[in-house]
């Protein structure tokens, strides 16, 4: 019984040290560009990546590429889909996973969020 208590105590000590390390470590992030909210859902063999972007606050270069607020031109969301396909990669056991076809839900109203 004493061995089990020592093992549990050691595990708790390691977890506490890890929590402290994570709490004091600086978080790395990119600056500039467009702010969004990403969620990742893992269910069995499936990983789902969702990205919500406020279309009203995208970087000027992306807004131009997407034809946002350009009279007579329909918005083109393909630059967002390409960027996600180029930048987001999932792997399992060191091997890349096959991506499902990308899907984008345009914003319901101007300035709202698009969901990839």
Protein backbone atom coordinates (compact mmCIF):
# COMPACT_ATOMS: atom_id res chain seq x y z
CA UNK A 1 0.00 0.00 0.00
CA UNK A 2 2.91 2.35 0.78
CA UNK A 3 4.26 1.91 -2.79
CA UNK A 4 0.92 2.98 -4.30
CA UNK A 5 0.76 6.08 -2.09
CA UNK A 6 4.31 7.04 -3.12
CA UNK A 7 3.46 6.54 -6.82
CA UNK A 8 0.32 8.69 -6.55
CA UNK A 9 2.25 11.35 -4.62
CA UNK A 10 4.95 11.40 -7.31
CA UNK A 11 2.38 11.70 -10.11
CA UNK A 12 0.65 14.58 -8.30
CA UNK A 13 4.01 16.30 -7.83
CA UNK A 14 4.81 15.97 -11.54
CA UNK A 15 1.38 17.27 -12.53
CA UNK A 16 1.77 20.23 -10.17
CA UNK A 17 5.19 21.04 -11.65
CA UNK A 18 3.75 20.82 -15.18
CA UNK A 19 0.85 23.11 -14.26
CA UNK A 20 3.27 25.64 -12.77
CA UNK A 21 5.48 25.49 -15.86
CA UNK A 22 2.49 26.07 -18.14
CA UNK A 23 1.24 28.93 -15.97
CA UNK A 24 4.53 30.84 -16.10
CA UNK A 25 5.48 30.06 -19.71
CA UNK A 26 4.84 32.81 -22.23
CA UNK A 27 2.26 32.01 -24.87
CA UNK A 28 3.37 32.44 -28.46
CA UNK A 29 0.98 34.14 -30.85
CA UNK A 30 1.11 35.89 -34.17
CA UNK A 31 0.48 39.60 -34.44
CA UNK A 32 -1.40 41.48 -37.09
CA UNK A 33 -3.75 39.92 -39.59
CA UNK A 34 -7.29 38.89 -38.80
CA UNK A 35 -8.64 37.82 -35.42
CA UNK A 36 -10.89 34.78 -35.29
CA UNK A 37 -12.02 31.98 -33.03
CA UNK A 38 -10.87 28.44 -33.78
CA UNK A 39 -12.33 25.32 -32.23
CA UNK A 40 -11.08 21.78 -32.61
CA UNK A 41 -13.38 18.82 -32.03
CA UNK A 42 -12.00 15.29 -31.78
CA UNK A 43 -14.47 12.43 -32.04
CA UNK A 44 -13.13 8.94 -32.59
CA UNK A 45 -11.15 8.95 -35.85
CA UNK A 46 -12.39 12.41 -36.86
CA UNK A 47 -10.83 15.81 -36.13
CA UNK A 48 -12.96 18.83 -37.01
CA UNK A 49 -11.40 22.31 -37.25
CA UNK A 50 -13.80 25.26 -37.20
CA UNK A 51 -12.75 28.85 -37.69
CA UNK A 52 -15.01 31.85 -37.21
CA UNK A 53 -13.79 35.11 -38.76
CA UNK A 54 -15.36 38.51 -38.39
CA UNK A 55 -15.57 39.54 -42.02
CA UNK A 56 -15.93 43.19 -41.04
CA UNK A 57 -12.47 43.16 -39.45
CA UNK A 58 -10.26 41.25 -41.87
CA UNK A 59 -6.84 42.56 -42.86
CA UNK A 60 -7.01 44.96 -45.83
CA UNK A 61 -5.04 42.60 -48.10
CA UNK A 62 -7.46 39.76 -47.40
CA UNK A 63 -10.50 42.05 -47.81
CA UNK A 64 -9.20 43.07 -51.26
CA UNK A 65 -8.54 39.46 -52.28
CA UNK A 66 -12.05 38.51 -51.14
CA UNK A 67 -13.65 41.45 -53.00
CA UNK A 68 -15.32 42.65 -49.79
CA UNK A 69 -17.18 45.95 -50.05
CA UNK A 70 -16.39 46.21 -53.76
CA UNK A 71 -19.49 47.31 -55.63
CA UNK A 72 -20.64 44.93 -58.34
CA UNK A 73 -18.43 42.04 -57.17
CA UNK A 74 -19.67 39.09 -55.15
CA UNK A 75 -17.46 38.18 -52.17
CA UNK A 76 -14.89 35.47 -52.95
CA UNK A 77 -14.10 33.37 -49.89
CA UNK A 78 -11.62 31.07 -51.64
CA UNK A 79 -8.55 32.93 -50.23
CA UNK A 80 -9.70 31.97 -46.72
CA UNK A 81 -10.19 28.33 -47.73
CA UNK A 82 -6.75 28.24 -49.37
CA UNK A 83 -5.09 29.78 -46.29
CA UNK A 84 -6.68 27.20 -43.98
CA UNK A 85 -5.68 24.34 -46.31
CA UNK A 86 -2.09 25.65 -46.46
CA UNK A 87 -1.66 26.38 -42.75
CA UNK A 88 -3.70 23.77 -40.85
CA UNK A 89 -2.37 20.21 -40.91
CA UNK A 90 -3.33 17.24 -38.75
CA UNK A 91 -1.25 14.12 -38.35
CA UNK A 92 -1.53 10.86 -36.48
CA UNK A 93 1.43 8.67 -35.57
CA UNK A 94 3.66 10.93 -37.66
CA UNK A 95 1.58 10.52 -40.81
CA UNK A 96 -0.60 13.26 -42.32
CA UNK A 97 -4.35 12.75 -42.14
CA UNK A 98 -6.51 13.19 -45.20
CA UNK A 99 -8.49 16.42 -45.13
CA UNK A 100 -12.16 16.49 -45.99
CA UNK A 101 -13.29 19.05 -48.58
CA UNK A 102 -13.36 22.53 -47.08
CA UNK A 103 -16.67 24.22 -46.44
CA UNK A 104 -17.36 27.88 -45.73
CA UNK A 105 -20.62 29.35 -44.46
CA UNK A 106 -20.76 33.00 -45.52
CA UNK A 107 -21.97 35.58 -43.03
CA UNK A 108 -25.74 36.01 -42.85
CA UNK A 109 -25.34 39.78 -42.87
CA UNK A 110 -22.61 42.25 -43.77
CA UNK A 111 -19.94 42.51 -41.07
CA UNK A 112 -20.92 39.22 -39.40
CA UNK A 113 -18.73 36.13 -39.07
CA UNK A 114 -17.92 33.58 -41.73
CA UNK A 115 -17.41 30.01 -40.53
CA UNK A 116 -14.85 27.72 -42.21
